């Protein structure tokens, strides 16, 4: 269970870095290329997932400590 928890937390931390990358793709205005569109949606999705997982992981972390 501890290994699974470490993988989830690691994925969450990596997802937090997706926000600035997605903003760079959006600000660049180079959305004509399909690769940039795909990467923008991917990073925005990862950022949204990180925002959704934040309260859930915080709650689980508090439960594990107590």
PDB file of N, CA and C in Angstrom:
ATOM      1  N   UNK A   1       0.822  -1.191   0.000  1.00  0.00           N
ATOM      2  CA  UNK A   1       0.000   0.000   0.000  1.00  0.00           C
ATOM      3  C   UNK A   1       0.870   1.261   0.000  1.00  0.00           C
ATOM      4  N   UNK A   2       2.019   1.179   0.690  1.00  0.00           N
ATOM      5  CA  UNK A   2       2.890   2.344   0.762  1.00  0.00           C
ATOM      6  C   UNK A   2       3.458   2.693  -0.609  1.00  0.00           C
ATOM      7  N   UNK A   3       3.806   1.677  -1.403  1.00  0.00           N
ATOM      8  CA  UNK A   3       4.340   1.939  -2.750  1.00  0.00           C
ATOM      9  C   UNK A   3       3.300   2.598  -3.634  1.00  0.00           C
ATOM     10  N   UNK A   4       2.060   2.135  -3.532  1.00  0.00           N
ATOM     11  CA  UNK A   4       0.981   2.733  -4.318  1.00  0.00           C
ATOM     12  C   UNK A   4       0.790   4.189  -3.927  1.00  0.00           C
ATOM     13  N   UNK A   5       0.808   4.459  -2.629  1.00  0.00           N
ATOM     14  CA  UNK A   5       0.652   5.832  -2.150  1.00  0.00           C
ATOM     15  C   UNK A   5       1.784   6.720  -2.664  1.00  0.00           C
ATOM     16  N   UNK A   6       3.022   6.200  -2.658  1.00  0.00           N
ATOM     17  CA  UNK A   6       4.157   6.973  -3.165  1.00  0.00           C
ATOM     18  C   UNK A   6       4.003   7.274  -4.652  1.00  0.00           C
ATOM     19  N   UNK A   7       3.500   6.313  -5.430  1.00  0.00           N
ATOM     20  CA  UNK A   7       3.294   6.545  -6.859  1.00  0.00           C
ATOM     21  C   UNK A   7       2.214   7.592  -7.096  1.00  0.00           C
ATOM     22  N   UNK A   8       1.146   7.552  -6.314  1.00  0.00           N
ATOM     23  CA  UNK A   8       0.070   8.538  -6.464  1.00  0.00           C
ATOM     24  C   UNK A   8       0.585   9.932  -6.141  1.00  0.00           C
ATOM     25  N   UNK A   9       1.338  10.060  -5.064  1.00  0.00           N
ATOM     26  CA  UNK A   9       1.867  11.371  -4.673  1.00  0.00           C
ATOM     27  C   UNK A   9       2.867  11.871  -5.710  1.00  0.00           C
ATOM     28  N   UNK A  10       3.700  10.991  -6.232  1.00  0.00           N
ATOM     29  CA  UNK A  10       4.659  11.382  -7.264  1.00  0.00           C
ATOM     30  C   UNK A  10       3.937  11.869  -8.516  1.00  0.00           C
ATOM     31  N   UNK A  11       2.897  11.152  -8.931  1.00  0.00           N
ATOM     32  CA  UNK A  11       2.111  11.580 -10.089  1.00  0.00           C
ATOM     33  C   UNK A  11       1.464  12.934  -9.834  1.00  0.00           C
ATOM     34  N   UNK A  12       0.985  13.140  -8.625  1.00  0.00           N
ATOM     35  CA  UNK A  12       0.355  14.414  -8.273  1.00  0.00           C
ATOM     36  C   UNK A  12       1.364  15.562  -8.357  1.00  0.00           C
ATOM     37  N   UNK A  13       2.554  15.346  -7.858  1.00  0.00           N
ATOM     38  CA  UNK A  13       3.582  16.396  -7.897  1.00  0.00           C
ATOM     39  C   UNK A  13       3.954  16.717  -9.340  1.00  0.00           C
ATOM     40  N   UNK A  14       4.097  15.682 -10.178  1.00  0.00           N
ATOM     41  CA  UNK A  14       4.391  15.934 -11.591  1.00  0.00           C
ATOM     42  C   UNK A  14       3.244  16.671 -12.272  1.00  0.00           C
ATOM     43  N   UNK A  15       2.012  16.393 -11.879  1.00  0.00           N
ATOM     44  CA  UNK A  15       0.857  17.064 -12.474  1.00  0.00           C
ATOM     45  C   UNK A  15       0.842  18.546 -12.153  1.00  0.00           C
ATOM     46  N   UNK A  16       1.393  18.927 -11.012  1.00  0.00           N
ATOM     47  CA  UNK A  16       1.427  20.345 -10.670  1.00  0.00           C
ATOM     48  C   UNK A  16       2.307  21.143 -11.632  1.00  0.00           C
ATOM     49  N   UNK A  17       3.319  20.502 -12.184  1.00  0.00           N
ATOM     50  CA  UNK A  17       4.188  21.181 -13.140  1.00  0.00           C
ATOM     51  C   UNK A  17       3.527  21.333 -14.508  1.00  0.00           C
ATOM     52  N   UNK A  18       2.398  20.684 -14.717  1.00  0.00           N
ATOM     53  CA  UNK A  18       1.719  20.757 -16.010  1.00  0.00           C
ATOM     54  C   UNK A  18       1.083  22.118 -16.243  1.00  0.00           C
ATOM     55  N   UNK A  19       0.715  22.815 -15.186  1.00  0.00           N
ATOM     56  CA  UNK A  19       0.058  24.111 -15.324  1.00  0.00           C
ATOM     57  C   UNK A  19       0.887  25.138 -16.073  1.00  0.00           C
ATOM     58  N   UNK A  20       2.104  25.405 -15.636  1.00  0.00           N
ATOM     59  CA  UNK A  20       2.923  26.378 -16.365  1.00  0.00           C
ATOM     60  C   UNK A  20       3.224  25.967 -17.806  1.00  0.00           C
ATOM     61  N   UNK A  21       3.399  24.676 -18.033  1.00  0.00           N
ATOM     62  CA  UNK A  21       3.670  24.215 -19.395  1.00  0.00           C
ATOM     63  C   UNK A  21       2.457  24.458 -20.285  1.00  0.00           C
ATOM     64  N   UNK A  22       1.268  24.166 -19.773  1.00  0.00           N
ATOM     65  CA  UNK A  22       0.050  24.406 -20.552  1.00  0.00           C
ATOM     66  C   UNK A  22      -0.133  25.890 -20.826  1.00  0.00           C
ATOM     67  N   UNK A  23       0.191  26.732 -19.857  1.00  0.00           N
ATOM     68  CA  UNK A  23       0.055  28.173 -20.061  1.00  0.00           C
ATOM     69  C   UNK A  23       1.021  28.666 -21.143  1.00  0.00           C
ATOM     70  N   UNK A  24       2.216  28.107 -21.184  1.00  0.00           N
ATOM     71  CA  UNK A  24       3.174  28.488 -22.234  1.00  0.00           C
ATOM     72  C   UNK A  24       2.623  28.115 -23.604  1.00  0.00           C
ATOM     73  N   UNK A  25       2.038  26.919 -23.713  1.00  0.00           N
ATOM     74  CA  UNK A  25       1.457  26.514 -24.993  1.00  0.00           C
ATOM     75  C   UNK A  25       0.289  27.415 -25.378  1.00  0.00           C
ATOM     76  N   UNK A  26      -0.541  27.790 -24.408  1.00  0.00           N
ATOM     77  CA  UNK A  26      -1.689  28.644 -24.714  1.00  0.00           C
ATOM     78  C   UNK A  26      -1.260  30.055 -25.087  1.00  0.00           C
ATOM     79  N   UNK A  27      -0.272  30.585 -24.372  1.00  0.00           N
ATOM     80  CA  UNK A  27       0.174  31.952 -24.620  1.00  0.00           C
ATOM     81  C   UNK A  27       0.940  32.051 -25.944  1.00  0.00           C
ATOM     82  N   UNK A  28       1.613  30.973 -26.331  1.00  0.00           N
ATOM     83  CA  UNK A  28       2.399  31.025 -27.564  1.00  0.00           C
ATOM     84  C   UNK A  28       1.520  31.281 -28.783  1.00  0.00           C
ATOM     85  N   UNK A  29       0.252  30.923 -28.701  1.00  0.00           N
ATOM     86  CA  UNK A  29      -0.665  31.165 -29.806  1.00  0.00           C
ATOM     87  C   UNK A  29      -0.392  30.313 -31.026  1.00  0.00           C
ATOM     88  N   UNK A  30       0.415  29.305 -30.860  1.00  0.00           N
ATOM     89  CA  UNK A  30       0.788  28.444 -31.985  1.00  0.00           C
ATOM     90  C   UNK A  30      -0.099  27.208 -31.991  1.00  0.00           C
ATOM     91  N   UNK A  31      -1.408  27.404 -32.002  1.00  0.00           N
ATOM     92  CA  UNK A  31      -2.344  26.290 -31.916  1.00  0.00           C
ATOM     93  C   UNK A  31      -2.712  25.733 -33.290  1.00  0.00           C
ATOM     94  N   UNK A  32      -1.992  26.153 -34.335  1.00  0.00           N
ATOM     95  CA  UNK A  32      -2.275  25.632 -35.670  1.00  0.00           C
ATOM     96  C   UNK A  32      -1.804  24.188 -35.816  1.00  0.00           C
ATOM     97  N   UNK A  33      -0.787  23.827 -35.071  1.00  0.00           N
ATOM     98  CA  UNK A  33      -0.246  22.481 -35.172  1.00  0.00           C
ATOM     99  C   UNK A  33      -1.004  21.552 -34.233  1.00  0.00           C
ATOM    100  N   UNK A  34      -1.352  20.377 -34.737  1.00  0.00           N
ATOM    101  CA  UNK A  34      -2.146  19.428 -33.959  1.00  0.00           C
ATOM    102  C   UNK A  34      -1.388  18.958 -32.722  1.00  0.00           C
ATOM    103  N   UNK A  35      -0.057  18.865 -32.823  1.00  0.00           N
ATOM    104  CA  UNK A  35       0.733  18.419 -31.671  1.00  0.00           C
ATOM    105  C   UNK A  35       0.595  19.416 -30.522  1.00  0.00           C
ATOM    106  N   UNK A  36       0.636  20.702 -30.825  1.00  0.00           N
ATOM    107  CA  UNK A  36       0.490  21.702 -29.764  1.00  0.00           C
ATOM    108  C   UNK A  36      -0.899  21.646 -29.144  1.00  0.00           C
ATOM    109  N   UNK A  37      -1.919  21.389 -29.952  1.00  0.00           N
ATOM    110  CA  UNK A  37      -3.272  21.259 -29.404  1.00  0.00           C
ATOM    111  C   UNK A  37      -3.360  20.062 -28.469  1.00  0.00           C
ATOM    112  N   UNK A  38      -2.794  18.936 -28.905  1.00  0.00           N
ATOM    113  CA  UNK A  38      -2.834  17.724 -28.084  1.00  0.00           C
ATOM    114  C   UNK A  38      -2.081  17.944 -26.778  1.00  0.00           C
ATOM    115  N   UNK A  39      -0.878  18.520 -26.849  1.00  0.00           N
ATOM    116  CA  UNK A  39      -0.095  18.754 -25.638  1.00  0.00           C
ATOM    117  C   UNK A  39      -0.785  19.740 -24.711  1.00  0.00           C
ATOM    118  N   UNK A  40      -1.423  20.771 -25.276  1.00  0.00           N
ATOM    119  CA  UNK A  40      -2.129  21.737 -24.437  1.00  0.00           C
ATOM    120  C   UNK A  40      -3.262  21.060 -23.690  1.00  0.00           C
ATOM    121  N   UNK A  41      -4.064  20.254 -24.396  1.00  0.00           N
ATOM    122  CA  UNK A  41      -5.160  19.559 -23.727  1.00  0.00           C
ATOM    123  C   UNK A  41      -4.645  18.561 -22.698  1.00  0.00           C
ATOM    124  N   UNK A  42      -3.529  17.887 -23.017  1.00  0.00           N
ATOM    125  CA  UNK A  42      -2.957  16.923 -22.077  1.00  0.00           C
ATOM    126  C   UNK A  42      -2.516  17.612 -20.784  1.00  0.00           C
ATOM    127  N   UNK A  43      -1.776  18.706 -20.922  1.00  0.00           N
ATOM    128  CA  UNK A  43      -1.272  19.389 -19.736  1.00  0.00           C
ATOM    129  C   UNK A  43      -2.395  20.078 -18.959  1.00  0.00           C
ATOM    130  N   UNK A  44      -3.394  20.610 -19.659  1.00  0.00           N
ATOM    131  CA  UNK A  44      -4.532  21.210 -18.957  1.00  0.00           C
ATOM    132  C   UNK A  44      -5.312  20.132 -18.203  1.00  0.00           C
ATOM    133  N   UNK A  45      -5.434  18.949 -18.800  1.00  0.00           N
ATOM    134  CA  UNK A  45      -6.096  17.838 -18.119  1.00  0.00           C
ATOM    135  C   UNK A  45      -5.323  17.382 -16.895  1.00  0.00           C
ATOM    136  N   UNK A  46      -4.012  17.323 -17.012  1.00  0.00           N
ATOM    137  CA  UNK A  46      -3.189  16.938 -15.862  1.00  0.00           C
ATOM    138  C   UNK A  46      -3.298  17.965 -14.748  1.00  0.00           C
ATOM    139  N   UNK A  47      -3.354  19.245 -15.111  1.00  0.00           N
ATOM    140  CA  UNK A  47      -3.514  20.288 -14.100  1.00  0.00           C
ATOM    141  C   UNK A  47      -4.878  20.183 -13.430  1.00  0.00           C
ATOM    142  N   UNK A  48      -5.921  19.951 -14.216  1.00  0.00           N
ATOM    143  CA  UNK A  48      -7.265  19.801 -13.644  1.00  0.00           C
ATOM    144  C   UNK A  48      -7.321  18.595 -12.714  1.00  0.00           C
ATOM    145  N   UNK A  49      -6.672  17.515 -13.107  1.00  0.00           N
ATOM    146  CA  UNK A  49      -6.639  16.330 -12.253  1.00  0.00           C
ATOM    147  C   UNK A  49      -5.913  16.622 -10.946  1.00  0.00           C
ATOM    148  N   UNK A  50      -4.839  17.382 -11.014  1.00  0.00           N
ATOM    149  CA  UNK A  50      -4.103  17.737  -9.798  1.00  0.00           C
ATOM    150  C   UNK A  50      -4.966  18.584  -8.873  1.00  0.00           C
ATOM    151  N   UNK A  51      -5.745  19.502  -9.447  1.00  0.00           N
ATOM    152  CA  UNK A  51      -6.610  20.344  -8.619  1.00  0.00           C
ATOM    153  C   UNK A  51      -7.711  19.513  -7.976  1.00  0.00           C
ATOM    154  N   UNK A  52      -8.249  18.547  -8.710  1.00  0.00           N
ATOM    155  CA  UNK A  52      -9.305  17.691  -8.164  1.00  0.00           C
ATOM    156  C   UNK A  52      -8.745  16.754  -7.099  1.00  0.00           C
ATOM    157  N   UNK A  53      -7.547  16.233  -7.319  1.00  0.00           N
ATOM    158  CA  UNK A  53      -6.969  15.276  -6.373  1.00  0.00           C
ATOM    159  C   UNK A  53      -6.450  15.926  -5.097  1.00  0.00           C
ATOM    160  N   UNK A  54      -6.204  17.219  -5.110  1.00  0.00           N
ATOM    161  CA  UNK A  54      -5.607  17.886  -3.961  1.00  0.00           C
ATOM    162  C   UNK A  54      -6.389  17.668  -2.669  1.00  0.00           C
ATOM    163  N   UNK A  55      -7.689  17.971  -2.600  1.00  0.00           N
ATOM    164  CA  UNK A  55      -8.394  17.750  -1.333  1.00  0.00           C
ATOM    165  C   UNK A  55      -8.512  16.275  -0.966  1.00  0.00           C
ATOM    166  N   UNK A  56      -8.621  15.423  -1.971  1.00  0.00           N
ATOM    167  CA  UNK A  56      -8.742  13.990  -1.693  1.00  0.00           C
ATOM    168  C   UNK A  56      -7.456  13.462  -1.073  1.00  0.00           C
ATOM    169  N   UNK A  57      -6.316  13.817  -1.663  1.00  0.00           N
ATOM    170  CA  UNK A  57      -5.036  13.351  -1.124  1.00  0.00           C
ATOM    171  C   UNK A  57      -4.746  13.971   0.237  1.00  0.00           C
ATOM    172  N   UNK A  58      -5.154  15.208   0.441  1.00  0.00           N
ATOM    173  CA  UNK A  58      -4.958  15.838   1.753  1.00  0.00           C
ATOM    174  C   UNK A  58      -5.776  15.115   2.813  1.00  0.00           C
ATOM    175  N   UNK A  59      -6.995  14.745   2.483  1.00  0.00           N
ATOM    176  CA  UNK A  59      -7.853  14.027   3.428  1.00  0.00           C
ATOM    177  C   UNK A  59      -7.271  12.654   3.756  1.00  0.00           C
ATOM    178  N   UNK A  60      -6.822  11.939   2.733  1.00  0.00           N
ATOM    179  CA  UNK A  60      -6.235  10.615   2.960  1.00  0.00           C
ATOM    180  C   UNK A  60      -4.959  10.739   3.782  1.00  0.00           C
ATOM    181  N   UNK A  61      -4.145  11.752   3.497  1.00  0.00           N
ATOM    182  CA  UNK A  61      -2.908  11.959   4.257  1.00  0.00           C
ATOM    183  C   UNK A  61      -3.177  12.238   5.725  1.00  0.00           C
ATOM    184  N   UNK A  62      -4.211  13.030   6.006  1.00  0.00           N
ATOM    185  CA  UNK A  62      -4.557  13.301   7.408  1.00  0.00           C
ATOM    186  C   UNK A  62      -5.054  12.047   8.100  1.00  0.00           C
ATOM    187  N   UNK A  63      -5.818  11.223   7.381  1.00  0.00           N
ATOM    188  CA  UNK A  63      -6.329   9.977   7.964  1.00  0.00           C
ATOM    189  C   UNK A  63      -5.185   9.013   8.272  1.00  0.00           C
ATOM    190  N   UNK A  64      -4.190   8.970   7.393  1.00  0.00           N
ATOM    191  CA  UNK A  64      -3.075   8.053   7.603  1.00  0.00           C
ATOM    192  C   UNK A  64      -2.222   8.472   8.795  1.00  0.00           C
ATOM    193  N   UNK A  65      -2.089   9.775   9.014  1.00  0.00           N
ATOM    194  CA  UNK A  65      -1.260  10.251  10.128  1.00  0.00           C
ATOM    195  C   UNK A  65      -1.939  10.064  11.477  1.00  0.00           C
ATOM    196  N   UNK A  66      -3.244  10.105  11.491  1.00  0.00           N
ATOM    197  CA  UNK A  66      -3.931   9.991  12.793  1.00  0.00           C
ATOM    198  C   UNK A  66      -4.277   8.567  13.142  1.00  0.00           C
TER     199      UNK A  66
END
